[in-house]
Amino acid sequence: MSGSSSANSARSIRVGDVAYYHIFDPRTAQPIPTDVVQVSVYFPHVGANGLAEVLTKSCAILGFERTSPILASLGAEAMCLQRHHGAVSAATTAGWSRFMKRVAANDHSDIFEPSRTGAP
């Protein structure tokens, strides 16, 4: 299994009423103004940690809705916690809950299947 999580809750600084996070948007070279609290991306195979890391940042920068088609095309499962009007809600890929049940049950029967990214 490969995965990565990225959170904005612990790595922010406040200047006045604005929170600035450790993730920068490469298009603007500025900290991202986001309501994304945390993103986790996982693959059922080994060798995709770097890709999972890139996808967590993409989700934080572009938003879950715009990143979802990319996640699906790569076979990734993801969860994104987003803040809306003070409340936090979760957005997930279609297979996230099934994937997490397998993880909780320690079912890694397909861990050595070849990945869609070419990694072993």
PDB file of N, CA and C in Angstrom:
ATOM      1  N   MET A   1       0.849  -1.170   0.000  1.00  0.00           N
ATOM      2  CA  MET A   1       0.000   0.000   0.000  1.00  0.00           C
ATOM      3  C   MET A   1       0.895   1.233   0.000  1.00  0.00           C
ATOM      4  N   SER A   2       0.458   2.268  -0.671  1.00  0.00           N
ATOM      5  CA  SER A   2       1.163   3.543  -0.720  1.00  0.00           C
ATOM      6  C   SER A   2       0.191   4.644  -0.333  1.00  0.00           C
ATOM      7  N   GLY A   3       0.691   5.683   0.318  1.00  0.00           N
ATOM      8  CA  GLY A   3      -0.210   6.759   0.673  1.00  0.00           C
ATOM      9  C   GLY A   3       0.479   7.990   1.186  1.00  0.00           C
ATOM     10  N   SER A   4      -0.311   9.037   1.319  1.00  0.00           N
ATOM     11  CA  SER A   4       0.176  10.298   1.846  1.00  0.00           C
ATOM     12  C   SER A   4      -1.004  11.091   2.406  1.00  0.00           C
ATOM     13  N   SER A   5      -0.745  11.853   3.439  1.00  0.00           N
ATOM     14  CA  SER A   5      -1.737  12.771   3.999  1.00  0.00           C
ATOM     15  C   SER A   5      -1.105  14.143   4.136  1.00  0.00           C
ATOM     16  N   SER A   6      -1.902  15.158   3.945  1.00  0.00           N
ATOM     17  CA  SER A   6      -1.448  16.528   4.096  1.00  0.00           C
ATOM     18  C   SER A   6      -2.533  17.304   4.831  1.00  0.00           C
ATOM     19  N   ALA A   7      -2.123  18.057   5.832  1.00  0.00           N
ATOM     20  CA  ALA A   7      -3.098  18.810   6.625  1.00  0.00           C
ATOM     21  C   ALA A   7      -2.676  20.260   6.761  1.00  0.00           C
ATOM     22  N   ASN A   8      -3.663  21.126   6.819  1.00  0.00           N
ATOM     23  CA  ASN A   8      -3.415  22.557   7.011  1.00  0.00           C
ATOM     24  C   ASN A   8      -3.659  23.006   8.441  1.00  0.00           C
ATOM     25  N   SER A   9      -4.127  22.113   9.282  1.00  0.00           N
ATOM     26  CA  SER A   9      -4.503  22.523  10.631  1.00  0.00           C
ATOM     27  C   SER A   9      -3.317  22.862  11.518  1.00  0.00           C
ATOM     28  N   ALA A  10      -2.190  22.216  11.336  1.00  0.00           N
ATOM     29  CA  ALA A  10      -1.063  22.419  12.248  1.00  0.00           C
ATOM     30  C   ALA A  10       0.015  23.335  11.692  1.00  0.00           C
ATOM     31  N   ARG A  11      -0.051  23.630  10.429  1.00  0.00           N
ATOM     32  CA  ARG A  11       1.028  24.407   9.816  1.00  0.00           C
ATOM     33  C   ARG A  11       0.520  25.703   9.214  1.00  0.00           C
ATOM     34  N   SER A  12      -0.141  26.481   9.992  1.00  0.00           N
ATOM     35  CA  SER A  12      -0.614  27.759   9.479  1.00  0.00           C
ATOM     36  C   SER A  12      -0.178  28.871  10.422  1.00  0.00           C
ATOM     37  N   ILE A  13      -0.089  30.046   9.855  1.00  0.00           N
ATOM     38  CA  ILE A  13       0.146  31.241  10.672  1.00  0.00           C
ATOM     39  C   ILE A  13      -0.973  32.220  10.338  1.00  0.00           C
ATOM     40  N   ARG A  14      -1.331  33.008  11.294  1.00  0.00           N
ATOM     41  CA  ARG A  14      -2.393  33.988  11.091  1.00  0.00           C
ATOM     42  C   ARG A  14      -1.789  35.379  11.053  1.00  0.00           C
ATOM     43  N   VAL A  15      -2.215  36.135  10.070  1.00  0.00           N
ATOM     44  CA  VAL A  15      -1.868  37.552   9.963  1.00  0.00           C
ATOM     45  C   VAL A  15      -3.200  38.270   9.881  1.00  0.00           C
ATOM     46  N   GLY A  16      -3.560  38.918  10.981  1.00  0.00           N
ATOM     47  CA  GLY A  16      -4.888  39.516  11.057  1.00  0.00           C
ATOM     48  C   GLY A  16      -5.928  38.411  11.069  1.00  0.00           C
ATOM     49  N   ASP A  17      -6.874  38.489  10.174  1.00  0.00           N
ATOM     50  CA  ASP A  17      -7.927  37.479  10.083  1.00  0.00           C
ATOM     51  C   ASP A  17      -7.651  36.405   9.032  1.00  0.00           C
ATOM     52  N   VAL A  18      -6.474  36.445   8.432  1.00  0.00           N
ATOM     53  CA  VAL A  18      -6.159  35.519   7.343  1.00  0.00           C
ATOM     54  C   VAL A  18      -5.180  34.453   7.817  1.00  0.00           C
ATOM     55  N   ALA A  19      -5.507  33.175   7.535  1.00  0.00           N
ATOM     56  CA  ALA A  19      -4.605  32.060   7.826  1.00  0.00           C
ATOM     57  C   ALA A  19      -3.805  31.745   6.572  1.00  0.00           C
ATOM     58  N   TYR A  20      -2.492  31.588   6.733  1.00  0.00           N
ATOM     59  CA  TYR A  20      -1.616  31.219   5.625  1.00  0.00           C
ATOM     60  C   TYR A  20      -1.052  29.838   5.918  1.00  0.00           C
ATOM     61  N   TYR A  21      -1.043  28.977   4.879  1.00  0.00           N
ATOM     62  CA  TYR A  21      -0.645  27.595   5.044  1.00  0.00           C
ATOM     63  C   TYR A  21       0.687  27.311   4.382  1.00  0.00           C
ATOM     64  N   HIS A  22       1.240  26.140   4.680  1.00  0.00           N
ATOM     65  CA  HIS A  22       2.549  25.745   4.179  1.00  0.00           C
ATOM     66  C   HIS A  22       2.521  25.279   2.728  1.00  0.00           C
ATOM     67  N   ILE A  23       1.351  25.166   2.133  1.00  0.00           N
ATOM     68  CA  ILE A  23       1.258  24.746   0.739  1.00  0.00           C
ATOM     69  C   ILE A  23       1.114  25.987  -0.137  1.00  0.00           C
ATOM     70  N   PHE A  24       1.987  26.077  -1.142  1.00  0.00           N
ATOM     71  CA  PHE A  24       1.972  27.218  -2.049  1.00  0.00           C
ATOM     72  C   PHE A  24       1.408  26.797  -3.398  1.00  0.00           C
ATOM     73  N   ASP A  25       0.642  27.672  -4.001  1.00  0.00           N
ATOM     74  CA  ASP A  25       0.110  27.442  -5.334  1.00  0.00           C
ATOM     75  C   ASP A  25       1.204  27.810  -6.333  1.00  0.00           C
ATOM     76  N   PRO A  26       1.676  26.858  -7.143  1.00  0.00           N
ATOM     77  CA  PRO A  26       2.761  27.165  -8.081  1.00  0.00           C
ATOM     78  C   PRO A  26       2.360  28.175  -9.154  1.00  0.00           C
ATOM     79  N   ARG A  27       1.053  28.353  -9.370  1.00  0.00           N
ATOM     80  CA  ARG A  27       0.597  29.319 -10.369  1.00  0.00           C
ATOM     81  C   ARG A  27       0.753  30.750  -9.884  1.00  0.00           C
ATOM     82  N   THR A  28       0.692  30.959  -8.568  1.00  0.00           N
ATOM     83  CA  THR A  28       0.732  32.321  -8.022  1.00  0.00           C
ATOM     84  C   THR A  28       1.943  32.574  -7.129  1.00  0.00           C
ATOM     85  N   ALA A  29       2.636  31.503  -6.723  1.00  0.00           N
ATOM     86  CA  ALA A  29       3.752  31.571  -5.770  1.00  0.00           C
ATOM     87  C   ALA A  29       3.310  32.155  -4.429  1.00  0.00           C
ATOM     88  N   GLN A  30       2.032  31.952  -4.100  1.00  0.00           N
ATOM     89  CA  GLN A  30       1.463  32.428  -2.848  1.00  0.00           C
ATOM     90  C   GLN A  30       0.905  31.251  -2.062  1.00  0.00           C
ATOM     91  N   PRO A  31       0.804  31.400  -0.727  1.00  0.00           N
ATOM     92  CA  PRO A  31       0.152  30.340   0.057  1.00  0.00           C
ATOM     93  C   PRO A  31      -1.288  30.164  -0.417  1.00  0.00           C
ATOM     94  N   ILE A  32      -1.762  28.936  -0.368  1.00  0.00           N
ATOM     95  CA  ILE A  32      -3.110  28.683  -0.866  1.00  0.00           C
ATOM     96  C   ILE A  32      -4.168  29.192   0.112  1.00  0.00           C
ATOM     97  N   PRO A  33      -5.170  29.865  -0.400  1.00  0.00           N
ATOM     98  CA  PRO A  33      -6.322  30.231   0.427  1.00  0.00           C
ATOM     99  C   PRO A  33      -7.327  29.092   0.333  1.00  0.00           C
ATOM    100  N   THR A  34      -7.338  28.214   1.299  1.00  0.00           N
ATOM    101  CA  THR A  34      -8.150  27.012   1.164  1.00  0.00           C
ATOM    102  C   THR A  34      -8.977  26.728   2.394  1.00  0.00           C
ATOM    103  N   ASP A  35     -10.080  26.060   2.171  1.00  0.00           N
ATOM    104  CA  ASP A  35     -10.899  25.545   3.259  1.00  0.00           C
ATOM    105  C   ASP A  35     -10.615  24.066   3.473  1.00  0.00           C
ATOM    106  N   VAL A  36      -9.634  23.532   2.748  1.00  0.00           N
ATOM    107  CA  VAL A  36      -9.251  22.135   2.905  1.00  0.00           C
ATOM    108  C   VAL A  36      -8.474  21.989   4.212  1.00  0.00           C
ATOM    109  N   VAL A  37      -8.957  21.111   5.081  1.00  0.00           N
ATOM    110  CA  VAL A  37      -8.318  20.882   6.374  1.00  0.00           C
ATOM    111  C   VAL A  37      -7.308  19.746   6.273  1.00  0.00           C
ATOM    112  N   GLN A  38      -7.699  18.663   5.593  1.00  0.00           N
ATOM    113  CA  GLN A  38      -6.803  17.521   5.442  1.00  0.00           C
ATOM    114  C   GLN A  38      -7.186  16.733   4.189  1.00  0.00           C
ATOM    115  N   VAL A  39      -6.161  16.173   3.542  1.00  0.00           N
ATOM    116  CA  VAL A  39      -6.360  15.301   2.391  1.00  0.00           C
ATOM    117  C   VAL A  39      -5.521  14.052   2.607  1.00  0.00           C
ATOM    118  N   SER A  40      -6.105  12.884   2.371  1.00  0.00           N
ATOM    119  CA  SER A  40      -5.381  11.616   2.402  1.00  0.00           C
ATOM    120  C   SER A  40      -5.628  10.910   1.085  1.00  0.00           C
ATOM    121  N   VAL A  41      -4.552  10.408   0.479  1.00  0.00           N
ATOM    122  CA  VAL A  41      -4.631   9.680  -0.787  1.00  0.00           C
ATOM    123  C   VAL A  41      -3.884   8.372  -0.619  1.00  0.00           C
ATOM    124  N   TYR A  42      -4.525   7.275  -1.021  1.00  0.00           N
ATOM    125  CA  TYR A  42      -3.903   5.948  -0.897  1.00  0.00           C
ATOM    126  C   TYR A  42      -4.102   5.129  -2.155  1.00  0.00           C
ATOM    127  N   PHE A  43      -3.113   4.284  -2.425  1.00  0.00           N
ATOM    128  CA  PHE A  43      -3.146   3.299  -3.496  1.00  0.00           C
ATOM    129  C   PHE A  43      -3.038   1.921  -2.865  1.00  0.00           C
ATOM    130  N   PRO A  44      -3.653   0.903  -3.457  1.00  0.00           N
ATOM    131  CA  PRO A  44      -3.587  -0.440  -2.884  1.00  0.00           C
ATOM    132  C   PRO A  44      -2.271  -1.151  -3.165  1.00  0.00           C
ATOM    133  N   HIS A  45      -1.363  -0.515  -3.882  1.00  0.00           N
ATOM    134  CA  HIS A  45      -0.097  -1.141  -4.234  1.00  0.00           C
ATOM    135  C   HIS A  45       1.082  -0.320  -3.709  1.00  0.00           C
ATOM    136  N   VAL A  46       2.242  -0.922  -3.691  1.00  0.00           N
ATOM    137  CA  VAL A  46       3.453  -0.242  -3.244  1.00  0.00           C
ATOM    138  C   VAL A  46       4.034   0.585  -4.387  1.00  0.00           C
ATOM    139  N   GLY A  47       4.900   1.521  -4.034  1.00  0.00           N
ATOM    140  CA  GLY A  47       5.638   2.278  -5.031  1.00  0.00           C
ATOM    141  C   GLY A  47       4.991   3.549  -5.518  1.00  0.00           C
ATOM    142  N   ALA A  48       3.931   4.002  -4.876  1.00  0.00           N
ATOM    143  CA  ALA A  48       3.250   5.207  -5.361  1.00  0.00           C
ATOM    144  C   ALA A  48       3.170   6.305  -4.294  1.00  0.00           C
ATOM    145  N   ASN A  49       4.054   6.263  -3.298  1.00  0.00           N
ATOM    146  CA  ASN A  49       4.018   7.291  -2.248  1.00  0.00           C
ATOM    147  C   ASN A  49       4.245   8.694  -2.807  1.00  0.00           C
ATOM    148  N   GLY A  50       5.173   8.830  -3.723  1.00  0.00           N
ATOM    149  CA  GLY A  50       5.440  10.148  -4.314  1.00  0.00           C
ATOM    150  C   GLY A  50       4.238  10.685  -5.061  1.00  0.00           C
ATOM    151  N   LEU A  51       3.597   9.813  -5.819  1.00  0.00           N
ATOM    152  CA  LEU A  51       2.402  10.217  -6.547  1.00  0.00           C
ATOM    153  C   LEU A  51       1.282  10.591  -5.578  1.00  0.00           C
ATOM    154  N   ALA A  52       1.134   9.822  -4.505  1.00  0.00           N
ATOM    155  CA  ALA A  52       0.114  10.140  -3.494  1.00  0.00           C
ATOM    156  C   ALA A  52       0.390  11.514  -2.881  1.00  0.00           C
ATOM    157  N   GLU A  53       1.647  11.822  -2.627  1.00  0.00           N
ATOM    158  CA  GLU A  53       2.024  13.134  -2.068  1.00  0.00           C
ATOM    159  C   GLU A  53       1.640  14.262  -3.025  1.00  0.00           C
ATOM    160  N   VAL A  54       1.946  14.093  -4.287  1.00  0.00           N
ATOM    161  CA  VAL A  54       1.592  15.108  -5.290  1.00  0.00           C
ATOM    162  C   VAL A  54       0.081  15.295  -5.356  1.00  0.00           C
ATOM    163  N   LEU A  55      -0.658  14.197  -5.288  1.00  0.00           N
ATOM    164  CA  LEU A  55      -2.120  14.285  -5.369  1.00  0.00           C
ATOM    165  C   LEU A  55      -2.738  14.949  -4.142  1.00  0.00           C
ATOM    166  N   THR A  56      -2.141  14.767  -2.961  1.00  0.00           N
ATOM    167  CA  THR A  56      -2.679  15.481  -1.792  1.00  0.00           C
ATOM    168  C   THR A  56      -2.526  16.980  -1.974  1.00  0.00           C
ATOM    169  N   LYS A  57      -1.385  17.403  -2.490  1.00  0.00           N
ATOM    170  CA  LYS A  57      -1.166  18.839  -2.717  1.00  0.00           C
ATOM    171  C   LYS A  57      -2.074  19.359  -3.829  1.00  0.00           C
ATOM    172  N   SER A  58      -2.254  18.556  -4.878  1.00  0.00           N
ATOM    173  CA  SER A  58      -3.150  18.963  -5.970  1.00  0.00           C
ATOM    174  C   SER A  58      -4.560  19.172  -5.457  1.00  0.00           C
ATOM    175  N   CYS A  59      -5.006  18.273  -4.599  1.00  0.00           N
ATOM    176  CA  CYS A  59      -6.351  18.380  -4.038  1.00  0.00           C
ATOM    177  C   CYS A  59      -6.477  19.635  -3.170  1.00  0.00           C
ATOM    178  N   ALA A  60      -5.453  19.922  -2.397  1.00  0.00           N
ATOM    179  CA  ALA A  60      -5.488  21.120  -1.554  1.00  0.00           C
ATOM    180  C   ALA A  60      -5.512  22.392  -2.404  1.00  0.00           C
ATOM    181  N   ILE A  61      -4.778  22.381  -3.500  1.00  0.00           N
ATOM    182  CA  ILE A  61      -4.681  23.573  -4.347  1.00  0.00           C
ATOM    183  C   ILE A  61      -5.903  23.721  -5.255  1.00  0.00           C
ATOM    184  N   LEU A  62      -6.278  22.640  -5.931  1.00  0.00           N
ATOM    185  CA  LEU A  62      -7.354  22.704  -6.920  1.00  0.00           C
ATOM    186  C   LEU A  62      -8.736  22.415  -6.359  1.00  0.00           C
ATOM    187  N   GLY A  63      -8.781  21.731  -5.206  1.00  0.00           N
ATOM    188  CA  GLY A  63     -10.047  21.317  -4.618  1.00  0.00           C
ATOM    189  C   GLY A  63     -10.367  19.882  -4.984  1.00  0.00           C
ATOM    190  N   PHE A  64     -11.155  19.240  -4.137  1.00  0.00           N
ATOM    191  CA  PHE A  64     -11.480  17.826  -4.318  1.00  0.00           C
ATOM    192  C   PHE A  64     -12.255  17.587  -5.612  1.00  0.00           C
ATOM    193  N   GLU A  65     -13.188  18.451  -5.931  1.00  0.00           N
ATOM    194  CA  GLU A  65     -14.026  18.258  -7.111  1.00  0.00           C
ATOM    195  C   GLU A  65     -13.193  18.232  -8.391  1.00  0.00           C
ATOM    196  N   ARG A  66     -12.236  19.119  -8.503  1.00  0.00           N
ATOM    197  CA  ARG A  66     -11.404  19.177  -9.711  1.00  0.00           C
ATOM    198  C   ARG A  66     -10.364  18.072  -9.743  1.00  0.00           C
ATOM    199  N   THR A  67      -9.973  17.547  -8.574  1.00  0.00           N
ATOM    200  CA  THR A  67      -8.955  16.505  -8.511  1.00  0.00           C
ATOM    201  C   THR A  67      -9.550  15.106  -8.626  1.00  0.00           C
ATOM    202  N   SER A  68     -10.816  14.936  -8.304  1.00  0.00           N
ATOM    203  CA  SER A  68     -11.456  13.615  -8.304  1.00  0.00           C
ATOM    204  C   SER A  68     -11.284  12.830  -9.602  1.00  0.00           C
ATOM    205  N   PRO A  69     -11.462  13.434 -10.782  1.00  0.00           N
ATOM    206  CA  PRO A  69     -11.271  12.662 -12.011  1.00  0.00           C
ATOM    207  C   PRO A  69      -9.839  12.141 -12.169  1.00  0.00           C
ATOM    208  N   ILE A  70      -8.875  12.902 -11.707  1.00  0.00           N
ATOM    209  CA  ILE A  70      -7.475  12.469 -11.769  1.00  0.00           C
ATOM    210  C   ILE A  70      -7.267  11.289 -10.838  1.00  0.00           C
ATOM    211  N   LEU A  71      -7.796  11.391  -9.620  1.00  0.00           N
ATOM    212  CA  LEU A  71      -7.685  10.296  -8.657  1.00  0.00           C
ATOM    213  C   LEU A  71      -8.280   9.017  -9.237  1.00  0.00           C
ATOM    214  N   ALA A  72      -9.465   9.121  -9.819  1.00  0.00           N
ATOM    215  CA  ALA A  72     -10.144   7.949 -10.380  1.00  0.00           C
ATOM    216  C   ALA A  72      -9.341   7.339 -11.520  1.00  0.00           C
ATOM    217  N   SER A  73      -8.781   8.176 -12.368  1.00  0.00           N
ATOM    218  CA  SER A  73      -8.042   7.660 -13.528  1.00  0.00           C
ATOM    219  C   SER A  73      -6.776   6.920 -13.114  1.00  0.00           C
ATOM    220  N   LEU A  74      -6.246   7.241 -11.938  1.00  0.00           N
ATOM    221  CA  LEU A  74      -5.024   6.596 -11.447  1.00  0.00           C
ATOM    222  C   LEU A  74      -5.293   5.446 -10.481  1.00  0.00           C
ATOM    223  N   GLY A  75      -6.556   5.212 -10.148  1.00  0.00           N
ATOM    224  CA  GLY A  75      -6.901   4.132  -9.226  1.00  0.00           C
ATOM    225  C   GLY A  75      -6.640   4.467  -7.769  1.00  0.00           C
ATOM    226  N   ALA A  76      -6.618   5.740  -7.437  1.00  0.00           N
ATOM    227  CA  ALA A  76      -6.373   6.183  -6.060  1.00  0.00           C
ATOM    228  C   ALA A  76      -7.690   6.299  -5.305  1.00  0.00           C
ATOM    229  N   GLU A  77      -7.612   6.125  -4.001  1.00  0.00           N
ATOM    230  CA  GLU A  77      -8.739   6.398  -3.110  1.00  0.00           C
ATOM    231  C   GLU A  77      -8.342   7.589  -2.249  1.00  0.00           C
ATOM    232  N   ALA A  78      -9.305   8.452  -1.952  1.00  0.00           N
ATOM    233  CA  ALA A  78      -8.970   9.666  -1.223  1.00  0.00           C
ATOM    234  C   ALA A  78     -10.117  10.146  -0.344  1.00  0.00           C
ATOM    235  N   MET A  79      -9.729  10.913   0.676  1.00  0.00           N
ATOM    236  CA  MET A  79     -10.673  11.602   1.538  1.00  0.00           C
ATOM    237  C   MET A  79     -10.163  13.025   1.709  1.00  0.00           C
ATOM    238  N   CYS A  80     -11.088  13.963   1.619  1.00  0.00           N
ATOM    239  CA  CYS A  80     -10.744  15.369   1.783  1.00  0.00           C
ATOM    240  C   CYS A  80     -11.672  15.979   2.834  1.00  0.00           C
ATOM    241  N   LEU A  81     -11.105  16.494   3.908  1.00  0.00           N
ATOM    242  CA  LEU A  81     -11.885  17.196   4.930  1.00  0.00           C
ATOM    243  C   LEU A  81     -11.874  18.673   4.588  1.00  0.00           C
ATOM    244  N   GLN A  82     -13.056  19.265   4.462  1.00  0.00           N
ATOM    245  CA  GLN A  82     -13.184  20.659   4.069  1.00  0.00           C
ATOM    246  C   GLN A  82     -14.020  21.431   5.081  1.00  0.00           C
ATOM    247  N   ARG A  83     -13.629  22.658   5.323  1.00  0.00           N
ATOM    248  CA  ARG A  83     -14.355  23.530   6.249  1.00  0.00           C
ATOM    249  C   ARG A  83     -15.312  24.408   5.449  1.00  0.00           C
ATOM    250  N   HIS A  84     -16.586  24.400   5.846  1.00  0.00           N
ATOM    251  CA  HIS A  84     -17.616  25.235   5.218  1.00  0.00           C
ATOM    252  C   HIS A  84     -18.401  25.926   6.329  1.00  0.00           C
ATOM    253  N   HIS A  85     -18.293  27.233   6.408  1.00  0.00           N
ATOM    254  CA  HIS A  85     -19.026  28.008   7.409  1.00  0.00           C
ATOM    255  C   HIS A  85     -18.790  27.481   8.827  1.00  0.00           C
ATOM    256  N   GLY A  86     -17.554  27.125   9.131  1.00  0.00           N
ATOM    257  CA  GLY A  86     -17.206  26.672  10.474  1.00  0.00           C
ATOM    258  C   GLY A  86     -17.368  25.188  10.728  1.00  0.00           C
ATOM    259  N   ALA A  87     -18.099  24.486   9.866  1.00  0.00           N
ATOM    260  CA  ALA A  87     -18.279  23.041  10.027  1.00  0.00           C
ATOM    261  C   ALA A  87     -17.345  22.300   9.070  1.00  0.00           C
ATOM    262  N   VAL A  88     -16.900  21.118   9.479  1.00  0.00           N
ATOM    263  CA  VAL A  88     -16.019  20.312   8.645  1.00  0.00           C
ATOM    264  C   VAL A  88     -16.799  19.133   8.080  1.00  0.00           C
ATOM    265  N   SER A  89     -16.685  18.940   6.766  1.00  0.00           N
ATOM    266  CA  SER A  89     -17.348  17.816   6.111  1.00  0.00           C
ATOM    267  C   SER A  89     -16.311  17.015   5.328  1.00  0.00           C
ATOM    268  N   ALA A  90     -16.643  15.761   5.041  1.00  0.00           N
ATOM    269  CA  ALA A  90     -15.732  14.878   4.323  1.00  0.00           C
ATOM    270  C   ALA A  90     -16.255  14.603   2.923  1.00  0.00           C
ATOM    271  N   ALA A  91     -15.361  14.688   1.953  1.00  0.00           N
ATOM    272  CA  ALA A  91     -15.646  14.257   0.587  1.00  0.00           C
ATOM    273  C   ALA A  91     -14.706  13.092   0.313  1.00  0.00           C
ATOM    274  N   THR A  92     -15.228  12.015  -0.273  1.00  0.00           N
ATOM    275  CA  THR A  92     -14.408  10.837  -0.518  1.00  0.00           C
ATOM    276  C   THR A  92     -14.626  10.303  -1.931  1.00  0.00           C
ATOM    277  N   THR A  93     -13.643   9.542  -2.382  1.00  0.00           N
ATOM    278  CA  THR A  93     -13.820   8.814  -3.638  1.00  0.00           C
ATOM    279  C   THR A  93     -14.800   7.670  -3.386  1.00  0.00           C
ATOM    280  N   ALA A  94     -15.323   7.105  -4.450  1.00  0.00           N
ATOM    281  CA  ALA A  94     -16.349   6.066  -4.335  1.00  0.00           C
ATOM    282  C   ALA A  94     -15.879   4.846  -3.552  1.00  0.00           C
ATOM    283  N   GLY A  95     -14.611   4.489  -3.662  1.00  0.00           N
ATOM    284  CA  GLY A  95     -14.115   3.286  -2.999  1.00  0.00           C
ATOM    285  C   GLY A  95     -13.413   3.515  -1.680  1.00  0.00           C
ATOM    286  N   TRP A  96     -13.445   4.746  -1.150  1.00  0.00           N
ATOM    287  CA  TRP A  96     -12.707   5.053   0.084  1.00  0.00           C
ATOM    288  C   TRP A  96     -13.127   4.172   1.255  1.00  0.00           C
ATOM    289  N   SER A  97     -14.413   4.061   1.529  1.00  0.00           N
ATOM    290  CA  SER A  97     -14.847   3.301   2.710  1.00  0.00           C
ATOM    291  C   SER A  97     -14.501   1.824   2.563  1.00  0.00           C
ATOM    292  N   ARG A  98     -14.665   1.259   1.358  1.00  0.00           N
ATOM    293  CA  ARG A  98     -14.295  -0.137   1.122  1.00  0.00           C
ATOM    294  C   ARG A  98     -12.788  -0.332   1.333  1.00  0.00           C
ATOM    295  N   PHE A  99     -12.008   0.597   0.845  1.00  0.00           N
ATOM    296  CA  PHE A  99     -10.555   0.534   0.993  1.00  0.00           C
ATOM    297  C   PHE A  99     -10.154   0.602   2.466  1.00  0.00           C
ATOM    298  N   MET A 100     -10.768   1.504   3.224  1.00  0.00           N
ATOM    299  CA  MET A 100     -10.419   1.647   4.641  1.00  0.00           C
ATOM    300  C   MET A 100     -10.848   0.419   5.449  1.00  0.00           C
ATOM    301  N   LYS A 101     -11.945  -0.232   5.074  1.00  0.00           N
ATOM    302  CA  LYS A 101     -12.341  -1.476   5.748  1.00  0.00           C
ATOM    303  C   LYS A 101     -11.289  -2.555   5.531  1.00  0.00           C
ATOM    304  N   ARG A 102     -10.735  -2.617   4.332  1.00  0.00           N
ATOM    305  CA  ARG A 102      -9.666  -3.585   4.056  1.00  0.00           C
ATOM    306  C   ARG A 102      -8.433  -3.269   4.888  1.00  0.00           C
ATOM    307  N   VAL A 103      -8.114  -1.994   4.999  1.00  0.00           N
ATOM    308  CA  VAL A 103      -6.955  -1.603   5.799  1.00  0.00           C
ATOM    309  C   VAL A 103      -7.180  -1.983   7.258  1.00  0.00           C
ATOM    310  N   ALA A 104      -8.367  -1.695   7.777  1.00  0.00           N
ATOM    311  CA  ALA A 104      -8.679  -2.019   9.173  1.00  0.00           C
ATOM    312  C   ALA A 104      -8.639  -3.524   9.422  1.00  0.00           C
ATOM    313  N   ALA A 105      -9.011  -4.296   8.416  1.00  0.00           N
ATOM    314  CA  ALA A 105      -9.005  -5.759   8.543  1.00  0.00           C
ATOM    315  C   ALA A 105      -7.627  -6.346   8.233  1.00  0.00           C
ATOM    316  N   ASN A 106      -6.667  -5.489   7.922  1.00  0.00           N
ATOM    317  CA  ASN A 106      -5.305  -5.908   7.586  1.00  0.00           C
ATOM    318  C   ASN A 106      -5.298  -6.816   6.358  1.00  0.00           C
ATOM    319  N   ASP A 107      -6.203  -6.548   5.404  1.00  0.00           N
ATOM    320  CA  ASP A 107      -6.293  -7.314   4.164  1.00  0.00           C
ATOM    321  C   ASP A 107      -5.448  -6.639   3.096  1.00  0.00           C
ATOM    322  N   HIS A 108      -4.256  -7.153   2.922  1.00  0.00           N
ATOM    323  CA  HIS A 108      -3.341  -6.603   1.919  1.00  0.00           C
ATOM    324  C   HIS A 108      -3.054  -7.653   0.851  1.00  0.00           C
ATOM    325  N   SER A 109      -4.071  -8.434   0.510  1.00  0.00           N
ATOM    326  CA  SER A 109      -3.884  -9.558  -0.403  1.00  0.00           C
ATOM    327  C   SER A 109      -3.394  -9.143  -1.786  1.00  0.00           C
ATOM    328  N   ASP A 110      -3.688  -7.921  -2.211  1.00  0.00           N
ATOM    329  CA  ASP A 110      -3.258  -7.506  -3.548  1.00  0.00           C
ATOM    330  C   ASP A 110      -2.122  -6.497  -3.506  1.00  0.00           C
ATOM    331  N   ILE A 111      -1.399  -6.459  -2.402  1.00  0.00           N
ATOM    332  CA  ILE A 111      -0.372  -5.432  -2.231  1.00  0.00           C
ATOM    333  C   ILE A 111       0.744  -5.526  -3.268  1.00  0.00           C
ATOM    334  N   PHE A 112       0.963  -6.700  -3.825  1.00  0.00           N
ATOM    335  CA  PHE A 112       2.049  -6.831  -4.783  1.00  0.00           C
ATOM    336  C   PHE A 112       1.572  -6.851  -6.229  1.00  0.00           C
ATOM    337  N   GLU A 113       0.317  -6.469  -6.453  1.00  0.00           N
ATOM    338  CA  GLU A 113      -0.157  -6.333  -7.824  1.00  0.00           C
ATOM    339  C   GLU A 113       0.565  -5.173  -8.480  1.00  0.00           C
ATOM    340  N   PRO A 114       0.871  -5.285  -9.765  1.00  0.00           N
ATOM    341  CA  PRO A 114       1.514  -4.151 -10.453  1.00  0.00           C
ATOM    342  C   PRO A 114       0.608  -2.927 -10.403  1.00  0.00           C
ATOM    343  N   SER A 115       1.212  -1.786 -10.243  1.00  0.00           N
ATOM    344  CA  SER A 115       0.435  -0.557 -10.158  1.00  0.00           C
ATOM    345  C   SER A 115       0.117  -0.034 -11.552  1.00  0.00           C
ATOM    346  N   ARG A 116      -0.841   0.873 -11.596  1.00  0.00           N
ATOM    347  CA  ARG A 116      -1.182   1.516 -12.850  1.00  0.00           C
ATOM    348  C   ARG A 116      -0.153   2.568 -13.227  1.00  0.00           C
ATOM    349  N   THR A 117       0.736   2.915 -12.298  1.00  0.00           N
ATOM    350  CA  THR A 117       1.736   3.933 -12.588  1.00  0.00           C
ATOM    351  C   THR A 117       3.047   3.312 -13.048  1.00  0.00           C
ATOM    352  N   GLY A 118       3.088   1.978 -13.158  1.00  0.00           N
ATOM    353  CA  GLY A 118       4.290   1.314 -13.618  1.00  0.00           C
ATOM    354  C   GLY A 118       5.210   0.866 -12.501  1.00  0.00           C
ATOM    355  N   ALA A 119       4.905   1.206 -11.256  1.00  0.00           N
ATOM    356  CA  ALA A 119       5.741   0.792 -10.131  1.00  0.00           C
ATOM    357  C   ALA A 119       5.438  -0.663  -9.804  1.00  0.00           C
ATOM    358  N   PRO A 120       6.428  -1.411  -9.259  1.00  0.00           N
ATOM    359  CA  PRO A 120       6.172  -2.808  -8.910  1.00  0.00           C
ATOM    360  C   PRO A 120       5.198  -2.953  -7.767  1.00  0.00           C
TER     361      PRO A 120
END
